Amino acid sequence: MTDAQPQSALSALHIDRSAPMKRRRRPRWLLAAALLAAVLVLVVASAARRAPTVRVAEVREPLPGEQQTELSASGYVDSRRRSVIAPMIAGQLVKVDVEEGEAVRQGQVIARLDDRDARVVLERAEASVQASEAQLAASEAQALNAERTTRRTRNLARQGVIPHAQLLDVETAGRATRESLHLAQAQLAVAHRAREAARLQLSHTVVRAPFDGTVSKKLANEGAVLAPAALTGTNLGGIVELVDLHALEVEAEVSEEQLSRIRIGQPALIFLDALPERAFPGQVATVRPAIDRSKATATVLVRFQSVPQGALPDMGSKVSFLRQPLPPEALDARGQPPRVPASAVVRDKEGDAVWRVEDGRLARQPVRVGERVGDEVSLTQGPGAGTQVVVAPDPKRLRDGQRVKVETGGG
């Protein structure tokens, strides 16, 4: 064996570190399983952090007359005397003498129309009366003269001085003169009526208030050409809308199946949205004999016993129909403990409590429960009116300080 052979054998045993190393590949299913496990962990963690949805109610102050309420309904304030004031003739508006919010008296001038045409018509009627009076005076003189002539002719005919035929001609002329007198009298009467009509037409150019009230809307300004018509919502001649604020009432909508519980003269309490701190006594005045087919409701008119200061037409309102009248002292519910749904109060080893919701988080608050009224209980100690509390809470799912989501009306 030569020296070259041992060297080649040793070189064959040498490890070539410059050659790439072959790595063992992991199975693809193992990588997919690890990724799926990570996603599941994230989902579980996210679900654990998700805020639970709770249904809430507000702690509220009691309303007067709740114990005597037969049923409740909502509606709007309106006035028994509410009119769009329009002229009785067509014409151009030259002046409006009132502004919105101004109180006016019956007969007060509201606006004036251009009266030039009406004055021309009146002057023509006055001239016609004068002409008719002159014609009547002439006819009266002619009739008087004809009567005298007839008397003389009759005397002469009886004496045989003139023939009988001449007497007949004179009497015929006298009758014609009397008919002319009657015609002149009728023409004068017609002229008088025409003058009265012209004066009335001129008076219609001055628009006056038909009743005491307040101007709620101004519908037209100077220069507008108006027609003798007024339609709600579309001005075809209206100048102002006039409302009697001393004749306010509430138009409440009552479902037709509840109408049997309403009677004329029934006592009621009226709550105005604009004056929520007070209740106003009222009385059922009438039920309109018609049903709104689209809503299956009827309109019940409830009048104030005394119209409150600050009440205005179209204010939102609620009406409580009572079983019997309330004494004046029962109209004020201030000082009575607030109320919550009975299901909002939970009892545990620490006592009665409610779960209060503030800024999206829960807070357990101890309460002291008073009397039960229907589905509610009064709280002699606890959160004040307006506080949101959880209804029918699940103590296993809720904890103090936990973030929650309040259930909305659609959810």
Foldseek 3Di string as FASTA:
>chain_A
DDPVVVVVVVVVVDDDPVDDDDDDDDDPVVVVVVVVVVVVVVVVVVVVQDFAAFAKDFFAFDAFPPVFFPDKFKFWKAFPDKDQFFFQAWFFWAFADDDAFDWDAFFAWGTFGDCPVLVVQLVVLVVQLVVLVVQLVVLVVVLVVLVVVLVVVVVCVVVVNDDPVVSVVSVVVNVVSVVSNVVSVVSNVVSVVSNVVSVVVSVSRTGGHNHTFGFNFADDHGGDTAGNDCDPPDGRGGGTMTGHLFRMWTWTKDAPVCCVVDDFFFKKWKAFPVHNQFIFIWTFHDWPPDADVVVNITIIIITTPGRDPPGDGGTMMMMGGGPDDDDPVSRHSPPFFIKDFPQQWDQDPVGIWWWWADPQFTATWHWDWDDDDVRMTGTPDDDHGGTMTGGNDDVVVHDHGGGHHYDDPVD
